Amino acid sequence: MPTIRPSADLRNKYNEISELCHEYLEPVFITKNGTGDLAVMSIETYELLAGKHELYNLIEQGLDQVKHGKVKPMKSAIKSIRAEIN
């Protein structure tokens, strides 16, 4: 379940919010005047999410290459790589 805190807690209870972010590795949602405003997370969580985003983009690129016939059989690819190494 998401953690939701008022914006005043950023100023008054920063350490508590930081501990929550590090302990649960998920964002803490900050409200301003009762409405969602920010998502605060640890650097570790941010890097994990950014890594997943990059991976999904690479998978999407690969699937697009397959869709458009921009691939070749594995044996042929390995043969080309070996030829370049030697």
N, C-alpha and C. Protein backbone atom coordinates (compact mmCIF):
# COMPACT_ATOMS: atom_id res chain seq x y z
N MET A 1 0.84 -1.17 0.00
CA MET A 1 0.00 0.00 0.00
C MET A 1 0.89 1.24 0.00
N PRO A 2 0.60 2.23 -0.84
CA PRO A 2 1.47 3.40 -0.92
C PRO A 2 1.46 4.23 0.36
N THR A 3 2.60 4.84 0.64
CA THR A 3 2.72 5.75 1.77
C THR A 3 2.44 7.16 1.27
N ILE A 4 1.52 7.84 1.90
CA ILE A 4 1.13 9.19 1.51
C ILE A 4 1.33 10.12 2.70
N ARG A 5 2.08 11.19 2.47
CA ARG A 5 2.39 12.13 3.54
C ARG A 5 2.13 13.56 3.07
N PRO A 6 1.79 14.46 3.99
CA PRO A 6 1.60 15.87 3.62
C PRO A 6 2.95 16.54 3.37
N SER A 7 2.93 17.61 2.59
CA SER A 7 4.18 18.30 2.23
C SER A 7 4.91 18.85 3.46
N ALA A 8 4.20 19.18 4.50
CA ALA A 8 4.84 19.68 5.72
C ALA A 8 5.81 18.66 6.31
N ASP A 9 5.54 17.37 6.08
CA ASP A 9 6.42 16.33 6.60
C ASP A 9 7.80 16.35 5.95
N LEU A 10 7.90 16.88 4.75
CA LEU A 10 9.23 17.00 4.14
C LEU A 10 10.12 17.90 4.99
N ARG A 11 9.56 18.93 5.53
CA ARG A 11 10.30 19.88 6.36
C ARG A 11 10.41 19.37 7.80
N ASN A 12 9.32 18.89 8.33
CA ASN A 12 9.27 18.56 9.76
C ASN A 12 9.71 17.14 10.10
N LYS A 13 9.57 16.21 9.15
CA LYS A 13 9.88 14.80 9.43
C LYS A 13 10.71 14.18 8.30
N TYR A 14 11.68 14.94 7.81
CA TYR A 14 12.49 14.48 6.69
C TYR A 14 13.13 13.12 6.96
N ASN A 15 13.76 12.97 8.14
CA ASN A 15 14.44 11.71 8.46
C ASN A 15 13.48 10.51 8.44
N GLU A 16 12.28 10.73 8.90
CA GLU A 16 11.28 9.65 8.91
C GLU A 16 10.92 9.25 7.47
N ILE A 17 10.73 10.23 6.61
CA ILE A 17 10.42 9.94 5.21
C ILE A 17 11.59 9.24 4.54
N SER A 18 12.80 9.70 4.82
CA SER A 18 13.99 9.07 4.25
C SER A 18 14.08 7.60 4.68
N GLU A 19 13.84 7.33 5.94
CA GLU A 19 13.87 5.95 6.43
C GLU A 19 12.82 5.09 5.73
N LEU A 20 11.63 5.63 5.55
CA LEU A 20 10.58 4.89 4.84
C LEU A 20 11.02 4.53 3.42
N CYS A 21 11.59 5.51 2.73
CA CYS A 21 12.03 5.29 1.34
C CYS A 21 13.10 4.21 1.27
N HIS A 22 14.04 4.23 2.21
CA HIS A 22 15.13 3.25 2.19
C HIS A 22 14.67 1.87 2.67
N GLU A 23 13.78 1.84 3.63
CA GLU A 23 13.32 0.56 4.19
C GLU A 23 12.45 -0.21 3.21
N TYR A 24 11.54 0.48 2.54
CA TYR A 24 10.56 -0.20 1.70
C TYR A 24 10.89 -0.16 0.21
N LEU A 25 11.93 0.59 -0.18
CA LEU A 25 12.35 0.68 -1.59
C LEU A 25 11.19 0.99 -2.53
N GLU A 26 10.35 1.92 -2.10
CA GLU A 26 9.26 2.39 -2.95
C GLU A 26 9.04 3.87 -2.66
N PRO A 27 8.43 4.57 -3.57
CA PRO A 27 8.24 6.01 -3.36
C PRO A 27 7.26 6.33 -2.23
N VAL A 28 7.46 7.49 -1.65
CA VAL A 28 6.52 8.07 -0.69
C VAL A 28 5.84 9.21 -1.44
N PHE A 29 4.52 9.20 -1.46
CA PHE A 29 3.78 10.22 -2.19
C PHE A 29 3.50 11.40 -1.27
N ILE A 30 3.81 12.60 -1.76
CA ILE A 30 3.66 13.82 -0.99
C ILE A 30 2.47 14.60 -1.53
N THR A 31 1.61 15.04 -0.61
CA THR A 31 0.44 15.83 -1.02
C THR A 31 0.65 17.30 -0.70
N LYS A 32 0.01 18.14 -1.48
CA LYS A 32 0.02 19.59 -1.24
C LYS A 32 -1.44 20.03 -1.25
N ASN A 33 -1.90 20.55 -0.15
CA ASN A 33 -3.30 20.94 0.01
C ASN A 33 -4.25 19.77 -0.28
N GLY A 34 -3.85 18.57 0.14
CA GLY A 34 -4.70 17.40 0.00
C GLY A 34 -4.68 16.73 -1.36
N THR A 35 -3.85 17.25 -2.28
CA THR A 35 -3.78 16.69 -3.64
C THR A 35 -2.37 16.16 -3.90
N GLY A 36 -2.27 15.05 -4.60
CA GLY A 36 -0.97 14.49 -4.92
C GLY A 36 -0.09 15.51 -5.63
N ASP A 37 1.19 15.59 -5.22
CA ASP A 37 2.09 16.59 -5.78
C ASP A 37 3.44 16.00 -6.19
N LEU A 38 4.03 15.17 -5.34
CA LEU A 38 5.37 14.63 -5.59
C LEU A 38 5.45 13.16 -5.22
N ALA A 39 6.45 12.50 -5.78
CA ALA A 39 6.82 11.16 -5.34
C ALA A 39 8.30 11.24 -4.96
N VAL A 40 8.62 10.84 -3.74
CA VAL A 40 9.99 10.89 -3.23
C VAL A 40 10.46 9.46 -3.05
N MET A 41 11.70 9.18 -3.51
CA MET A 41 12.23 7.82 -3.39
C MET A 41 13.72 7.86 -3.12
N SER A 42 14.26 6.73 -2.67
CA SER A 42 15.69 6.62 -2.44
C SER A 42 16.41 6.55 -3.78
N ILE A 43 17.69 6.84 -3.76
CA ILE A 43 18.51 6.73 -4.97
C ILE A 43 18.49 5.29 -5.48
N GLU A 44 18.53 4.32 -4.58
CA GLU A 44 18.52 2.91 -4.98
C GLU A 44 17.24 2.58 -5.76
N THR A 45 16.11 3.05 -5.27
CA THR A 45 14.84 2.80 -5.95
C THR A 45 14.81 3.49 -7.30
N TYR A 46 15.31 4.72 -7.34
CA TYR A 46 15.36 5.45 -8.61
C TYR A 46 16.21 4.70 -9.63
N GLU A 47 17.40 4.24 -9.22
CA GLU A 47 18.28 3.52 -10.14
C GLU A 47 17.64 2.22 -10.61
N LEU A 48 16.94 1.53 -9.73
CA LEU A 48 16.24 0.30 -10.11
C LEU A 48 15.17 0.59 -11.16
N LEU A 49 14.36 1.62 -10.92
CA LEU A 49 13.31 1.98 -11.87
C LEU A 49 13.89 2.45 -13.20
N ALA A 50 14.96 3.25 -13.14
CA ALA A 50 15.60 3.73 -14.37
C ALA A 50 16.18 2.56 -15.15
N GLY A 51 16.77 1.59 -14.45
CA GLY A 51 17.32 0.41 -15.10
C GLY A 51 16.23 -0.42 -15.78
N LYS A 52 15.11 -0.58 -15.12
CA LYS A 52 13.99 -1.31 -15.72
C LYS A 52 13.48 -0.59 -16.96
N HIS A 53 13.39 0.73 -16.86
CA HIS A 53 12.93 1.53 -18.00
C HIS A 53 13.87 1.35 -19.19
N GLU A 54 15.17 1.39 -18.94
CA GLU A 54 16.15 1.20 -20.02
C GLU A 54 16.04 -0.21 -20.61
N LEU A 55 15.88 -1.22 -19.76
CA LEU A 55 15.74 -2.59 -20.24
C LEU A 55 14.50 -2.74 -21.11
N TYR A 56 13.38 -2.18 -20.67
CA TYR A 56 12.15 -2.27 -21.45
C TYR A 56 12.31 -1.59 -22.81
N ASN A 57 13.01 -0.46 -22.85
CA ASN A 57 13.26 0.21 -24.12
C ASN A 57 14.11 -0.65 -25.05
N LEU A 58 15.14 -1.30 -24.50
CA LEU A 58 15.99 -2.18 -25.32
C LEU A 58 15.19 -3.38 -25.85
N ILE A 59 14.34 -3.94 -25.02
CA ILE A 59 13.49 -5.05 -25.46
C ILE A 59 12.57 -4.59 -26.57
N GLU A 60 11.98 -3.41 -26.40
CA GLU A 60 11.09 -2.87 -27.43
C GLU A 60 11.84 -2.64 -28.75
N GLN A 61 13.06 -2.14 -28.66
CA GLN A 61 13.87 -1.95 -29.87
C GLN A 61 14.14 -3.29 -30.55
N GLY A 62 14.49 -4.30 -29.76
CA GLY A 62 14.75 -5.63 -30.31
C GLY A 62 13.53 -6.22 -30.98
N LEU A 63 12.38 -6.09 -30.35
CA LEU A 63 11.15 -6.60 -30.94
C LEU A 63 10.81 -5.86 -32.23
N ASP A 64 11.09 -4.56 -32.26
CA ASP A 64 10.85 -3.77 -33.47
C ASP A 64 11.78 -4.24 -34.60
N GLN A 65 13.03 -4.55 -34.26
CA GLN A 65 13.97 -5.05 -35.27
C GLN A 65 13.51 -6.40 -35.82
N VAL A 66 13.01 -7.25 -34.95
CA VAL A 66 12.49 -8.55 -35.42
C VAL A 66 11.29 -8.32 -36.35
N LYS A 67 10.41 -7.42 -35.96
CA LYS A 67 9.22 -7.13 -36.74
C LYS A 67 9.57 -6.63 -38.14
N HIS A 68 10.66 -5.87 -38.24
CA HIS A 68 11.05 -5.31 -39.53
C HIS A 68 12.14 -6.12 -40.23
N GLY A 69 12.38 -7.34 -39.77
CA GLY A 69 13.32 -8.24 -40.44
C GLY A 69 14.78 -7.82 -40.36
N LYS A 70 15.14 -7.07 -39.34
CA LYS A 70 16.52 -6.59 -39.19
C LYS A 70 17.33 -7.50 -38.28
N VAL A 71 17.14 -8.80 -38.43
CA VAL A 71 17.86 -9.79 -37.64
C VAL A 71 18.43 -10.84 -38.57
N LYS A 72 19.41 -11.60 -38.04
CA LYS A 72 19.93 -12.71 -38.83
C LYS A 72 20.10 -13.91 -37.91
N PRO A 73 20.21 -15.10 -38.48
CA PRO A 73 20.32 -16.30 -37.65
C PRO A 73 21.55 -16.24 -36.73
N MET A 74 21.44 -16.86 -35.56
CA MET A 74 22.50 -16.81 -34.56
C MET A 74 23.81 -17.36 -35.11
N LYS A 75 23.77 -18.46 -35.85
CA LYS A 75 25.00 -19.05 -36.40
C LYS A 75 25.71 -18.05 -37.30
N SER A 76 24.94 -17.35 -38.10
CA SER A 76 25.52 -16.36 -39.01
C SER A 76 26.13 -15.19 -38.22
N ALA A 77 25.46 -14.77 -37.18
CA ALA A 77 25.96 -13.67 -36.36
C ALA A 77 27.26 -14.06 -35.67
N ILE A 78 27.30 -15.25 -35.10
CA ILE A 78 28.52 -15.72 -34.42
C ILE A 78 29.66 -15.86 -35.42
N LYS A 79 29.36 -16.34 -36.61
CA LYS A 79 30.39 -16.47 -37.64
C LYS A 79 30.97 -15.10 -37.99
N SER A 80 30.12 -14.10 -38.13
CA SER A 80 30.58 -12.74 -38.43
C SER A 80 31.45 -12.18 -37.31
N ILE A 81 31.05 -12.42 -36.06
CA ILE A 81 31.81 -11.94 -34.92
C ILE A 81 33.18 -12.59 -34.87
N ARG A 82 33.21 -13.90 -35.09
CA ARG A 82 34.51 -14.62 -35.07
C ARG A 82 35.42 -14.13 -36.19
N ALA A 83 34.85 -13.84 -37.34
CA ALA A 83 35.64 -13.35 -38.46
C ALA A 83 36.27 -11.99 -38.12
N GLU A 84 35.53 -11.14 -37.43
CA GLU A 84 36.05 -9.82 -37.05
C GLU A 84 37.14 -9.95 -36.00
N ILE A 85 37.01 -10.91 -35.09
CA ILE A 85 38.02 -11.10 -34.03
C ILE A 85 39.33 -11.60 -34.63
N ASN A 86 39.23 -12.52 -35.58
CA ASN A 86 40.45 -13.10 -36.19
C ASN A 86 40.90 -12.21 -37.25
